[in-house]
Amino acid sequence: MSNETKVGILAVVAIVLFIFGFNFLKGLNMLSNSTILYASYDNVSSLTVSTPIFINGLQVGVVKDIYFKDDLQTIEVEMNIEDDYRIPKDAEAVIASASLMGGVVLNLKYDSVCSGADCAQTGDHIKGRLASVIEGVVGDTGEVNKYLKEVQKGIGPIMDSLKANVSDPNSDDAISQSIRDIAVVLENLKASTANLNRMVLNSRQPVDGILKNAQSLTGSLDQRSKDIKGILVNTDSLTNKLNNLQLEATLANTNEAITSLKKTMNSADQAVGKLNVLLEKVTSGDGAIGKLLNDDSALASLLSAAASADTLFKDVKERPYRYIPLKSKRKVDKYDRQDENN
């Protein structure tokens, strides 16, 4: 046998083992015969592939496939039932809750066993149904009803006794007294509600008048608000114009003042420059003032000249005849002798 043949046989065996193992994990036993049945549902309540199928708590198969039918509304469930179990054609495939913690199972329910043609064959459809929550958790609802009836029988006498105590005004039972107090409170509440209704009806007309007046006042305020808004807009516009005018005038005056100030500063700069030149000349001894400040002899000469001028002015004041034009020497001497004698 060649290596290629061995590899081929090994590959086929591996594929077969894979298919067998995959189906085994899904709960399908390929070594035994099985019956394939179908059921339709509007809602499968989270039913999944490989969900176990039970009859009276005994697993008899698994869900093989779940898919939508052509209308995309009805869900078809394909069930793989072991061939050892005969399922009647009138059986129901009921989806029920596995426990209060969650999870679902598929239960097959029927009333009687079948034989021959009455049993479902591969490819047949049976009725599908989704159980209610109570049915899924409790199981048979008949037992629940029986339990509720027994509970009702036990509670009935207690309720009758309680009713008798409540209706008896002389009963000192705490529950009866509490219920009577509640009845009094409800009566008082009813009376208070009636009084409140009368007060509302009596005050309805004044309230309507107040509301109408308030509505009229609101309309007037709204109109005045519009008028005030227009006045504010106009005032704002006028203020902006005044501000613009004042700003322009202020800017013009400021520009003129700046120009005048520039001229004054230029004149001041020129005067300061001339004064600096003059001071430099005085400091260096140029000119009469400089010589007076720097040369003592010039100052002495000036003082001497001032003294001579003062003497001359004094003599002119005292003897003016000396300085009158066309006076002879004889007349001058004459006046001098007279001054000496006096």
C-alpha atoms as a PDB file:
ATOM      1  CA  MET A   1       0.000   0.000   0.000  1.00  0.00           C
ATOM      2  CA  SER A   2       1.457   3.320  -1.043  1.00  0.00           C
ATOM      3  CA  ASN A   3       1.940   6.290   1.254  1.00  0.00           C
ATOM      4  CA  GLU A   4      -0.679   8.277  -0.689  1.00  0.00           C
ATOM      5  CA  THR A   5      -3.284   5.583   0.018  1.00  0.00           C
ATOM      6  CA  LYS A   6      -2.399   5.547   3.696  1.00  0.00           C
ATOM      7  CA  VAL A   7      -2.693   9.337   3.866  1.00  0.00           C
ATOM      8  CA  GLY A   8      -6.061   9.188   2.101  1.00  0.00           C
ATOM      9  CA  ILE A   9      -7.415   6.509   4.449  1.00  0.00           C
ATOM     10  CA  LEU A  10      -6.139   8.471   7.449  1.00  0.00           C
ATOM     11  CA  ALA A  11      -7.843  11.648   6.177  1.00  0.00           C
ATOM     12  CA  VAL A  12     -11.155   9.842   5.666  1.00  0.00           C
ATOM     13  CA  VAL A  13     -10.964   8.323   9.152  1.00  0.00           C
ATOM     14  CA  ALA A  14     -10.180  11.745  10.622  1.00  0.00           C
ATOM     15  CA  ILE A  15     -13.138  13.311   8.801  1.00  0.00           C
ATOM     16  CA  VAL A  16     -15.466  10.552   9.975  1.00  0.00           C
ATOM     17  CA  LEU A  17     -14.245  10.877  13.546  1.00  0.00           C
ATOM     18  CA  PHE A  18     -14.675  14.663  13.367  1.00  0.00           C
ATOM     19  CA  ILE A  19     -18.246  14.344  12.086  1.00  0.00           C
ATOM     20  CA  PHE A  20     -19.044  11.723  14.682  1.00  0.00           C
ATOM     21  CA  GLY A  21     -17.494  13.765  17.502  1.00  0.00           C
ATOM     22  CA  PHE A  22     -19.214  16.991  16.379  1.00  0.00           C
ATOM     23  CA  ASN A  23     -22.625  15.325  16.301  1.00  0.00           C
ATOM     24  CA  PHE A  24     -21.897  13.589  19.599  1.00  0.00           C
ATOM     25  CA  LEU A  25     -21.194  16.986  21.184  1.00  0.00           C
ATOM     26  CA  LYS A  26     -24.529  18.158  19.799  1.00  0.00           C
ATOM     27  CA  GLY A  27     -26.212  15.198  21.487  1.00  0.00           C
ATOM     28  CA  LEU A  28     -26.799  13.188  18.278  1.00  0.00           C
ATOM     29  CA  ASN A  29     -25.926   9.524  18.280  1.00  0.00           C
ATOM     30  CA  MET A  30     -25.047   8.530  14.722  1.00  0.00           C
ATOM     31  CA  LEU A  31     -24.753   4.838  15.661  1.00  0.00           C
ATOM     32  CA  SER A  32     -28.452   4.479  16.417  1.00  0.00           C
ATOM     33  CA  ASN A  33     -31.567   5.135  14.367  1.00  0.00           C
ATOM     34  CA  SER A  34     -33.672   8.174  15.214  1.00  0.00           C
ATOM     35  CA  THR A  35     -36.925   9.805  14.221  1.00  0.00           C
ATOM     36  CA  ILE A  36     -36.870  13.366  12.896  1.00  0.00           C
ATOM     37  CA  LEU A  37     -39.967  15.377  13.825  1.00  0.00           C
ATOM     38  CA  TYR A  38     -40.863  19.050  13.273  1.00  0.00           C
ATOM     39  CA  ALA A  39     -42.842  21.655  15.234  1.00  0.00           C
ATOM     40  CA  SER A  40     -43.663  25.291  14.446  1.00  0.00           C
ATOM     41  CA  TYR A  41     -43.656  28.226  16.900  1.00  0.00           C
ATOM     42  CA  ASP A  42     -44.174  31.988  16.903  1.00  0.00           C
ATOM     43  CA  ASN A  43     -41.632  32.335  19.730  1.00  0.00           C
ATOM     44  CA  VAL A  44     -39.086  29.761  20.882  1.00  0.00           C
ATOM     45  CA  SER A  45     -38.170  31.613  24.134  1.00  0.00           C
ATOM     46  CA  SER A  46     -34.353  31.326  23.731  1.00  0.00           C
ATOM     47  CA  LEU A  47     -34.487  27.661  22.673  1.00  0.00           C
ATOM     48  CA  THR A  48     -31.139  26.585  21.210  1.00  0.00           C
ATOM     49  CA  VAL A  49     -29.728  23.697  19.221  1.00  0.00           C
ATOM     50  CA  SER A  50     -28.838  20.649  21.404  1.00  0.00           C
ATOM     51  CA  THR A  51     -31.537  21.534  23.962  1.00  0.00           C
ATOM     52  CA  PRO A  52     -32.676  18.242  25.513  1.00  0.00           C
ATOM     53  CA  ILE A  53     -36.143  16.823  24.801  1.00  0.00           C
ATOM     54  CA  PHE A  54     -37.973  15.137  27.672  1.00  0.00           C
ATOM     55  CA  ILE A  55     -40.980  12.889  28.188  1.00  0.00           C
ATOM     56  CA  ASN A  56     -42.060  12.959  31.832  1.00  0.00           C
ATOM     57  CA  GLY A  57     -38.534  14.012  32.859  1.00  0.00           C
ATOM     58  CA  LEU A  58     -36.729  11.360  30.764  1.00  0.00           C
ATOM     59  CA  GLN A  59     -34.517  12.627  27.954  1.00  0.00           C
ATOM     60  CA  VAL A  60     -35.527  11.053  24.643  1.00  0.00           C
ATOM     61  CA  GLY A  61     -33.733  13.309  22.182  1.00  0.00           C
ATOM     62  CA  VAL A  62     -32.283  16.727  21.379  1.00  0.00           C
ATOM     63  CA  VAL A  63     -33.116  19.727  19.239  1.00  0.00           C
ATOM     64  CA  LYS A  64     -31.259  19.277  15.987  1.00  0.00           C
ATOM     65  CA  ASP A  65     -31.905  22.580  14.221  1.00  0.00           C
ATOM     66  CA  ILE A  66     -33.864  25.869  14.517  1.00  0.00           C
ATOM     67  CA  TYR A  67     -34.619  28.131  11.553  1.00  0.00           C
ATOM     68  CA  PHE A  68     -37.171  30.528  10.087  1.00  0.00           C
ATOM     69  CA  LYS A  69     -39.645  29.352   7.523  1.00  0.00           C
ATOM     70  CA  ASP A  70     -40.161  31.193   4.242  1.00  0.00           C
ATOM     71  CA  ASP A  71     -42.538  33.766   5.789  1.00  0.00           C
ATOM     72  CA  LEU A  72     -39.799  34.899   8.244  1.00  0.00           C
ATOM     73  CA  GLN A  73     -42.421  34.824  11.005  1.00  0.00           C
ATOM     74  CA  THR A  74     -42.812  31.164  11.890  1.00  0.00           C
ATOM     75  CA  ILE A  75     -39.883  29.340  13.494  1.00  0.00           C
ATOM     76  CA  GLU A  76     -39.355  25.706  12.644  1.00  0.00           C
ATOM     77  CA  VAL A  77     -37.744  23.382  15.219  1.00  0.00           C
ATOM     78  CA  GLU A  78     -36.224  20.101  14.046  1.00  0.00           C
ATOM     79  CA  MET A  79     -36.209  17.399  16.746  1.00  0.00           C
ATOM     80  CA  ASN A  80     -34.080  14.265  16.815  1.00  0.00           C
ATOM     81  CA  ILE A  81     -35.972  11.547  18.790  1.00  0.00           C
ATOM     82  CA  GLU A  82     -34.332   8.248  19.604  1.00  0.00           C
ATOM     83  CA  ASP A  83     -35.935   5.403  17.667  1.00  0.00           C
ATOM     84  CA  ASP A  84     -36.738   3.483  20.865  1.00  0.00           C
ATOM     85  CA  TYR A  85     -39.585   5.878  21.676  1.00  0.00           C
ATOM     86  CA  ARG A  86     -42.879   6.001  19.833  1.00  0.00           C
ATOM     87  CA  ILE A  87     -44.428   9.468  19.679  1.00  0.00           C
ATOM     88  CA  PRO A  88     -48.162   9.826  18.894  1.00  0.00           C
ATOM     89  CA  LYS A  89     -49.136  12.116  16.046  1.00  0.00           C
ATOM     90  CA  ASP A  90     -51.326  14.176  18.405  1.00  0.00           C
ATOM     91  CA  ALA A  91     -48.412  14.823  20.813  1.00  0.00           C
ATOM     92  CA  GLU A  92     -47.435  18.397  21.735  1.00  0.00           C
ATOM     93  CA  ALA A  93     -43.896  19.759  21.787  1.00  0.00           C
ATOM     94  CA  VAL A  94     -44.063  22.245  24.674  1.00  0.00           C
ATOM     95  CA  ILE A  95     -41.263  24.722  25.326  1.00  0.00           C
ATOM     96  CA  ALA A  96     -41.092  25.317  29.098  1.00  0.00           C
ATOM     97  CA  SER A  97     -38.800  26.984  31.618  1.00  0.00           C
ATOM     98  CA  ALA A  98     -36.246  24.634  33.119  1.00  0.00           C
ATOM     99  CA  SER A  99     -36.127  26.485  36.480  1.00  0.00           C
ATOM    100  CA  LEU A 100     -36.579  29.853  38.111  1.00  0.00           C
ATOM    101  CA  MET A 101     -32.906  30.574  37.351  1.00  0.00           C
ATOM    102  CA  GLY A 102     -33.541  30.457  33.622  1.00  0.00           C
ATOM    103  CA  GLY A 103     -33.042  28.081  30.715  1.00  0.00           C
ATOM    104  CA  VAL A 104     -35.640  26.213  28.658  1.00  0.00           C
ATOM    105  CA  VAL A 105     -36.379  22.583  27.790  1.00  0.00           C
ATOM    106  CA  LEU A 106     -38.634  20.889  25.264  1.00  0.00           C
ATOM    107  CA  ASN A 107     -41.229  18.524  26.711  1.00  0.00           C
ATOM    108  CA  LEU A 108     -43.267  16.042  24.627  1.00  0.00           C
ATOM    109  CA  LYS A 109     -46.753  15.654  26.077  1.00  0.00           C
ATOM    110  CA  TYR A 110     -49.529  13.243  24.996  1.00  0.00           C
ATOM    111  CA  ASP A 111     -52.495  11.501  26.582  1.00  0.00           C
ATOM    112  CA  SER A 112     -52.040   7.932  25.372  1.00  0.00           C
ATOM    113  CA  VAL A 113     -49.495   5.684  23.694  1.00  0.00           C
ATOM    114  CA  CYS A 114     -49.632   4.898  20.000  1.00  0.00           C
ATOM    115  CA  SER A 115     -49.083   1.938  17.754  1.00  0.00           C
ATOM    116  CA  GLY A 116     -48.674   1.462  14.036  1.00  0.00           C
ATOM    117  CA  ALA A 117     -50.001   4.277  11.867  1.00  0.00           C
ATOM    118  CA  ASP A 118     -50.932   6.381  14.914  1.00  0.00           C
ATOM    119  CA  CYS A 119     -47.248   6.980  15.642  1.00  0.00           C
ATOM    120  CA  ALA A 120     -45.366   9.898  14.094  1.00  0.00           C
ATOM    121  CA  GLN A 121     -42.834   9.005  11.412  1.00  0.00           C
ATOM    122  CA  THR A 122     -39.688  10.814  10.286  1.00  0.00           C
ATOM    123  CA  GLY A 123     -40.643  14.103   8.584  1.00  0.00           C
ATOM    124  CA  ASP A 124     -44.011  14.482  10.370  1.00  0.00           C
ATOM    125  CA  HIS A 125     -45.106  17.705  12.036  1.00  0.00           C
ATOM    126  CA  ILE A 126     -46.524  17.742  15.540  1.00  0.00           C
ATOM    127  CA  LYS A 127     -48.164  20.621  17.408  1.00  0.00           C
ATOM    128  CA  GLY A 128     -45.794  23.139  19.061  1.00  0.00           C
ATOM    129  CA  ARG A 129     -46.726  25.262  22.059  1.00  0.00           C
ATOM    130  CA  LEU A 130     -44.984  27.739  24.395  1.00  0.00           C
ATOM    131  CA  ALA A 131     -45.871  27.080  28.035  1.00  0.00           C
ATOM    132  CA  SER A 132     -46.687  29.914  30.439  1.00  0.00           C
ATOM    133  CA  VAL A 133     -44.263  30.853  33.199  1.00  0.00           C
ATOM    134  CA  ILE A 134     -46.342  29.179  35.922  1.00  0.00           C
ATOM    135  CA  GLU A 135     -46.796  26.038  33.872  1.00  0.00           C
ATOM    136  CA  GLY A 136     -43.097  25.943  33.059  1.00  0.00           C
ATOM    137  CA  VAL A 137     -42.024  26.250  36.698  1.00  0.00           C
ATOM    138  CA  VAL A 138     -44.803  24.386  38.526  1.00  0.00           C
ATOM    139  CA  GLY A 139     -45.710  21.847  35.900  1.00  0.00           C
ATOM    140  CA  ASP A 140     -49.321  20.609  35.973  1.00  0.00           C
ATOM    141  CA  THR A 141     -51.639  23.573  36.576  1.00  0.00           C
ATOM    142  CA  GLY A 142     -54.298  21.199  37.912  1.00  0.00           C
ATOM    143  CA  GLU A 143     -52.211  20.578  40.996  1.00  0.00           C
ATOM    144  CA  VAL A 144     -51.837  24.326  41.495  1.00  0.00           C
ATOM    145  CA  ASN A 145     -55.599  24.762  41.317  1.00  0.00           C
ATOM    146  CA  LYS A 146     -56.082  21.990  43.885  1.00  0.00           C
ATOM    147  CA  TYR A 147     -53.560  23.670  46.200  1.00  0.00           C
ATOM    148  CA  LEU A 148     -55.272  27.035  45.817  1.00  0.00           C
ATOM    149  CA  LYS A 149     -58.634  25.459  46.636  1.00  0.00           C
ATOM    150  CA  GLU A 150     -57.207  23.936  49.812  1.00  0.00           C
ATOM    151  CA  VAL A 151     -55.701  27.300  50.776  1.00  0.00           C
ATOM    152  CA  GLN A 152     -59.057  28.963  50.128  1.00  0.00           C
ATOM    153  CA  LYS A 153     -60.794  26.464  52.387  1.00  0.00           C
ATOM    154  CA  GLY A 154     -58.359  27.274  55.214  1.00  0.00           C
ATOM    155  CA  ILE A 155     -58.524  31.051  54.749  1.00  0.00           C
ATOM    156  CA  GLY A 156     -62.347  31.169  54.390  1.00  0.00           C
ATOM    157  CA  PRO A 157     -63.174  30.703  58.108  1.00  0.00           C
ATOM    158  CA  ILE A 158     -60.485  33.184  59.091  1.00  0.00           C
ATOM    159  CA  MET A 159     -61.925  35.822  56.730  1.00  0.00           C
ATOM    160  CA  ASP A 160     -65.457  35.173  58.006  1.00  0.00           C
ATOM    161  CA  SER A 161     -64.340  35.597  61.597  1.00  0.00           C
ATOM    162  CA  LEU A 162     -62.462  38.777  60.744  1.00  0.00           C
ATOM    163  CA  LYS A 163     -65.501  40.139  58.908  1.00  0.00           C
ATOM    164  CA  ALA A 164     -67.741  39.419  61.894  1.00  0.00           C
ATOM    165  CA  ASN A 165     -65.346  41.167  64.290  1.00  0.00           C
ATOM    166  CA  VAL A 166     -65.068  44.196  62.025  1.00  0.00           C
ATOM    167  CA  SER A 167     -68.827  44.553  61.626  1.00  0.00           C
ATOM    168  CA  ASP A 168     -69.402  44.246  65.398  1.00  0.00           C
ATOM    169  CA  PRO A 169     -69.209  47.807  66.910  1.00  0.00           C
ATOM    170  CA  ASN A 170     -68.653  46.356  70.397  1.00  0.00           C
ATOM    171  CA  SER A 171     -65.607  44.310  69.436  1.00  0.00           C
ATOM    172  CA  ASP A 172     -62.401  45.254  71.272  1.00  0.00           C
ATOM    173  CA  ASP A 173     -60.183  43.492  68.757  1.00  0.00           C
ATOM    174  CA  ALA A 174     -57.231  45.688  67.727  1.00  0.00           C
ATOM    175  CA  ILE A 175     -57.677  44.934  64.025  1.00  0.00           C
ATOM    176  CA  SER A 176     -61.422  45.679  64.166  1.00  0.00           C
ATOM    177  CA  GLN A 177     -60.808  48.920  66.046  1.00  0.00           C
ATOM    178  CA  SER A 178     -58.129  49.968  63.565  1.00  0.00           C
ATOM    179  CA  ILE A 179     -60.448  49.286  60.632  1.00  0.00           C
ATOM    180  CA  ARG A 180     -63.230  51.305  62.302  1.00  0.00           C
ATOM    181  CA  ASP A 181     -60.765  54.172  62.872  1.00  0.00           C
ATOM    182  CA  ILE A 182     -59.786  54.022  59.230  1.00  0.00           C
ATOM    183  CA  ALA A 183     -63.461  54.168  58.275  1.00  0.00           C
ATOM    184  CA  VAL A 184     -63.888  57.300  60.455  1.00  0.00           C
ATOM    185  CA  VAL A 185     -60.833  58.887  58.849  1.00  0.00           C
ATOM    186  CA  LEU A 186     -62.199  58.139  55.394  1.00  0.00           C
ATOM    187  CA  GLU A 187     -65.545  59.691  56.321  1.00  0.00           C
ATOM    188  CA  ASN A 188     -63.813  62.815  57.599  1.00  0.00           C
ATOM    189  CA  LEU A 189     -61.702  62.930  54.456  1.00  0.00           C
ATOM    190  CA  LYS A 190     -64.833  62.596  52.351  1.00  0.00           C
ATOM    191  CA  ALA A 191     -66.486  65.489  54.231  1.00  0.00           C
ATOM    192  CA  SER A 192     -63.343  67.628  53.875  1.00  0.00           C
ATOM    193  CA  THR A 193     -63.238  66.888  50.147  1.00  0.00           C
ATOM    194  CA  ALA A 194     -66.888  67.928  49.799  1.00  0.00           C
ATOM    195  CA  ASN A 195     -66.192  71.199  51.666  1.00  0.00           C
ATOM    196  CA  LEU A 196     -63.185  71.834  49.482  1.00  0.00           C
ATOM    197  CA  ASN A 197     -65.274  71.264  46.353  1.00  0.00           C
ATOM    198  CA  ARG A 198     -67.863  73.768  47.583  1.00  0.00           C
ATOM    199  CA  MET A 199     -65.140  76.312  48.331  1.00  0.00           C
ATOM    200  CA  VAL A 200     -63.684  75.857  44.865  1.00  0.00           C
ATOM    201  CA  LEU A 201     -67.109  76.282  43.250  1.00  0.00           C
ATOM    202  CA  ASN A 202     -67.860  79.389  45.326  1.00  0.00           C
ATOM    203  CA  SER A 203     -64.506  80.981  44.542  1.00  0.00           C
ATOM    204  CA  ARG A 204     -64.556  80.041  40.881  1.00  0.00           C
ATOM    205  CA  GLN A 205     -66.208  83.268  39.687  1.00  0.00           C
ATOM    206  CA  PRO A 206     -63.863  85.614  41.634  1.00  0.00           C
ATOM    207  CA  VAL A 207     -60.912  83.577  40.477  1.00  0.00           C
ATOM    208  CA  ASP A 208     -62.143  83.797  36.880  1.00  0.00           C
ATOM    209  CA  GLY A 209     -62.448  87.575  37.281  1.00  0.00           C
ATOM    210  CA  ILE A 210     -58.957  87.802  38.739  1.00  0.00           C
ATOM    211  CA  LEU A 211     -57.578  85.691  35.903  1.00  0.00           C
ATOM    212  CA  LYS A 212     -59.310  87.900  33.321  1.00  0.00           C
ATOM    213  CA  ASN A 213     -57.951  91.038  34.975  1.00  0.00           C
ATOM    214  CA  ALA A 214     -54.513  89.463  35.147  1.00  0.00           C
ATOM    215  CA  GLN A 215     -54.754  88.556  31.461  1.00  0.00           C
ATOM    216  CA  SER A 216     -55.812  92.139  30.595  1.00  0.00           C
ATOM    217  CA  LEU A 217     -53.004  93.531  32.730  1.00  0.00           C
ATOM    218  CA  THR A 218     -50.552  91.162  31.063  1.00  0.00           C
ATOM    219  CA  GLY A 219     -51.697  92.363  27.628  1.00  0.00           C
ATOM    220  CA  SER A 220     -51.297  95.999  28.676  1.00  0.00           C
ATOM    221  CA  LEU A 221     -47.858  95.308  30.099  1.00  0.00           C
ATOM    222  CA  ASP A 222     -46.901  93.536  26.903  1.00  0.00           C
ATOM    223  CA  GLN A 223     -47.982  96.553  24.840  1.00  0.00           C
ATOM    224  CA  ARG A 224     -46.163  98.939  27.172  1.00  0.00           C
ATOM    225  CA  SER A 225     -43.136  96.713  26.989  1.00  0.00           C
ATOM    226  CA  LYS A 226     -43.136  97.044  23.191  1.00  0.00           C
ATOM    227  CA  ASP A 227     -43.480 100.848  23.468  1.00  0.00           C
ATOM    228  CA  ILE A 228     -40.703 101.039  26.053  1.00  0.00           C
ATOM    229  CA  LYS A 229     -38.552  98.850  23.838  1.00  0.00           C
ATOM    230  CA  GLY A 230     -39.054 101.289  20.929  1.00  0.00           C
ATOM    231  CA  ILE A 231     -38.208 104.267  23.169  1.00  0.00           C
ATOM    232  CA  LEU A 232     -35.078 102.525  24.396  1.00  0.00           C
ATOM    233  CA  VAL A 233     -34.012 101.763  20.829  1.00  0.00           C
ATOM    234  CA  ASN A 234     -34.497 105.429  19.831  1.00  0.00           C
ATOM    235  CA  THR A 235     -32.704 106.628  22.961  1.00  0.00           C
ATOM    236  CA  ASP A 236     -29.839 104.285  22.267  1.00  0.00           C
ATOM    237  CA  SER A 237     -29.589 105.550  18.688  1.00  0.00           C
ATOM    238  CA  LEU A 238     -29.676 109.209  19.854  1.00  0.00           C
ATOM    239  CA  THR A 239     -27.068 108.509  22.539  1.00  0.00           C
ATOM    240  CA  ASN A 240     -24.799 106.891  19.976  1.00  0.00           C
ATOM    241  CA  LYS A 241     -25.161 109.905  17.679  1.00  0.00           C
ATOM    242  CA  LEU A 242     -24.461 112.345  20.546  1.00  0.00           C
ATOM    243  CA  ASN A 243     -21.484 110.310  21.605  1.00  0.00           C
ATOM    244  CA  ASN A 244     -20.175 110.317  18.048  1.00  0.00           C
ATOM    245  CA  LEU A 245     -20.644 114.107  17.747  1.00  0.00           C
ATOM    246  CA  GLN A 246     -19.012 114.818  21.095  1.00  0.00           C
ATOM    247  CA  LEU A 247     -16.199 112.477  20.301  1.00  0.00           C
ATOM    248  CA  GLU A 248     -15.559 114.161  16.955  1.00  0.00           C
ATOM    249  CA  ALA A 249     -15.595 117.647  18.524  1.00  0.00           C
ATOM    250  CA  THR A 250     -13.346 116.471  21.353  1.00  0.00           C
ATOM    251  CA  LEU A 251     -10.926 114.897  18.894  1.00  0.00           C
ATOM    252  CA  ALA A 252     -10.848 118.112  16.812  1.00  0.00           C
ATOM    253  CA  ASN A 253     -10.167 120.270  19.904  1.00  0.00           C
ATOM    254  CA  THR A 254      -7.567 117.824  21.060  1.00  0.00           C
ATOM    255  CA  ASN A 255      -5.833 117.910  17.678  1.00  0.00           C
ATOM    256  CA  GLU A 256      -5.841 121.718  17.724  1.00  0.00           C
ATOM    257  CA  ALA A 257      -4.486 121.759  21.264  1.00  0.00           C
ATOM    258  CA  ILE A 258      -1.774 119.286  20.319  1.00  0.00           C
ATOM    259  CA  THR A 259      -0.822 121.397  17.280  1.00  0.00           C
ATOM    260  CA  SER A 260      -0.677 124.591  19.402  1.00  0.00           C
ATOM    261  CA  LEU A 261       1.325 122.759  22.039  1.00  0.00           C
ATOM    262  CA  LYS A 262       3.755 121.588  19.374  1.00  0.00           C
ATOM    263  CA  LYS A 263       4.202 125.167  18.174  1.00  0.00           C
ATOM    264  CA  THR A 264       4.691 126.395  21.757  1.00  0.00           C
ATOM    265  CA  MET A 265       7.219 123.645  22.403  1.00  0.00           C
ATOM    266  CA  ASN A 266       9.082 124.563  19.202  1.00  0.00           C
ATOM    267  CA  SER A 267       9.161 128.248  20.246  1.00  0.00           C
ATOM    268  CA  ALA A 268      10.280 127.253  23.712  1.00  0.00           C
ATOM    269  CA  ASP A 269      13.003 125.064  22.237  1.00  0.00           C
ATOM    270  CA  GLN A 270      14.205 127.980  20.077  1.00  0.00           C
ATOM    271  CA  ALA A 271      14.170 130.398  23.050  1.00  0.00           C
ATOM    272  CA  VAL A 272      16.039 127.941  25.201  1.00  0.00           C
ATOM    273  CA  GLY A 273      18.555 127.471  22.401  1.00  0.00           C
ATOM    274  CA  LYS A 274      19.099 131.237  22.122  1.00  0.00           C
ATOM    275  CA  LEU A 275      19.364 131.526  25.893  1.00  0.00           C
ATOM    276  CA  ASN A 276      21.951 128.741  25.924  1.00  0.00           C
ATOM    277  CA  VAL A 277      23.957 130.565  23.251  1.00  0.00           C
ATOM    278  CA  LEU A 278      23.717 133.823  25.219  1.00  0.00           C
ATOM    279  CA  LEU A 279      24.772 132.110  28.419  1.00  0.00           C
ATOM    280  CA  GLU A 280      27.709 130.506  26.627  1.00  0.00           C
ATOM    281  CA  LYS A 281      28.811 133.911  25.351  1.00  0.00           C
ATOM    282  CA  VAL A 282      28.431 135.466  28.803  1.00  0.00           C
ATOM    283  CA  THR A 283      30.349 132.591  30.340  1.00  0.00           C
ATOM    284  CA  SER A 284      33.128 132.875  27.746  1.00  0.00           C
ATOM    285  CA  GLY A 285      33.445 136.667  28.348  1.00  0.00           C
ATOM    286  CA  ASP A 286      32.040 137.853  25.041  1.00  0.00           C
ATOM    287  CA  GLY A 287      30.104 141.136  25.039  1.00  0.00           C
ATOM    288  CA  ALA A 288      29.681 143.769  27.681  1.00  0.00           C
ATOM    289  CA  ILE A 289      27.887 141.547  30.179  1.00  0.00           C
ATOM    290  CA  GLY A 290      30.506 138.841  29.782  1.00  0.00           C
ATOM    291  CA  LYS A 291      33.291 141.322  30.379  1.00  0.00           C
ATOM    292  CA  LEU A 292      31.497 142.705  33.399  1.00  0.00           C
ATOM    293  CA  LEU A 293      31.154 139.241  34.863  1.00  0.00           C
ATOM    294  CA  ASN A 294      34.661 138.064  34.000  1.00  0.00           C
ATOM    295  CA  ASP A 295      36.870 141.281  33.923  1.00  0.00           C
ATOM    296  CA  ASP A 296      37.211 143.268  37.158  1.00  0.00           C
ATOM    297  CA  SER A 297      38.818 146.261  35.414  1.00  0.00           C
ATOM    298  CA  ALA A 298      35.854 146.599  33.096  1.00  0.00           C
ATOM    299  CA  LEU A 299      33.563 146.566  36.104  1.00  0.00           C
ATOM    300  CA  ALA A 300      35.755 149.231  37.813  1.00  0.00           C
ATOM    301  CA  SER A 301      35.714 151.386  34.666  1.00  0.00           C
ATOM    302  CA  LEU A 302      31.932 151.015  34.487  1.00  0.00           C
ATOM    303  CA  LEU A 303      31.565 151.997  38.137  1.00  0.00           C
ATOM    304  CA  SER A 304      33.897 154.992  37.643  1.00  0.00           C
ATOM    305  CA  ALA A 305      31.931 156.089  34.604  1.00  0.00           C
ATOM    306  CA  ALA A 306      28.708 155.718  36.584  1.00  0.00           C
ATOM    307  CA  ALA A 307      30.191 157.886  39.408  1.00  0.00           C
ATOM    308  CA  SER A 308      31.343 160.560  36.915  1.00  0.00           C
ATOM    309  CA  ALA A 309      27.915 160.523  35.277  1.00  0.00           C
ATOM    310  CA  ASP A 310      26.308 160.917  38.688  1.00  0.00           C
ATOM    311  CA  THR A 311      28.565 163.883  39.511  1.00  0.00           C
ATOM    312  CA  LEU A 312      27.781 165.439  36.139  1.00  0.00           C
ATOM    313  CA  PHE A 313      24.033 164.974  36.600  1.00  0.00           C
ATOM    314  CA  LYS A 314      24.296 166.488  40.078  1.00  0.00           C
ATOM    315  CA  ASP A 315      26.281 169.471  38.804  1.00  0.00           C
ATOM    316  CA  VAL A 316      23.789 170.001  35.990  1.00  0.00           C
ATOM    317  CA  LYS A 317      20.989 169.973  38.490  1.00  0.00           C
ATOM    318  CA  GLU A 318      22.729 172.425  40.869  1.00  0.00           C
ATOM    319  CA  ARG A 319      24.353 174.737  38.320  1.00  0.00           C
ATOM    320  CA  PRO A 320      22.338 174.553  35.155  1.00  0.00           C
ATOM    321  CA  TYR A 321      23.613 177.973  34.045  1.00  0.00           C
ATOM    322  CA  ARG A 322      26.967 176.431  33.299  1.00  0.00           C
ATOM    323  CA  TYR A 323      25.488 174.367  30.616  1.00  0.00           C
ATOM    324  CA  ILE A 324      23.211 176.903  28.970  1.00  0.00           C
ATOM    325  CA  PRO A 325      24.551 177.608  25.473  1.00  0.00           C
ATOM    326  CA  LEU A 326      26.165 181.019  24.591  1.00  0.00           C
ATOM    327  CA  LYS A 327      27.049 181.916  28.192  1.00  0.00           C
ATOM    328  CA  SER A 328      30.246 183.885  28.613  1.00  0.00           C
ATOM    329  CA  LYS A 329      32.962 182.955  31.020  1.00  0.00           C
ATOM    330  CA  ARG A 330      32.428 186.183  32.986  1.00  0.00           C
ATOM    331  CA  LYS A 331      28.780 185.446  33.641  1.00  0.00           C
ATOM    332  CA  VAL A 332      29.594 181.953  34.681  1.00  0.00           C
ATOM    333  CA  ASP A 333      32.160 183.141  37.210  1.00  0.00           C
ATOM    334  CA  LYS A 334      29.612 185.641  38.471  1.00  0.00           C
ATOM    335  CA  TYR A 335      27.083 182.955  39.162  1.00  0.00           C
ATOM    336  CA  ASP A 336      29.715 180.796  40.815  1.00  0.00           C
ATOM    337  CA  ARG A 337      30.627 183.637  43.274  1.00  0.00           C
ATOM    338  CA  GLN A 338      26.997 184.073  44.088  1.00  0.00           C
ATOM    339  CA  ASP A 339      26.629 180.397  44.844  1.00  0.00           C
ATOM    340  CA  GLU A 340      29.661 180.478  47.088  1.00  0.00           C
ATOM    341  CA  ASN A 341      28.329 183.497  49.001  1.00  0.00           C
ATOM    342  CA  ASN A 342      25.023 181.818  49.516  1.00  0.00           C
END
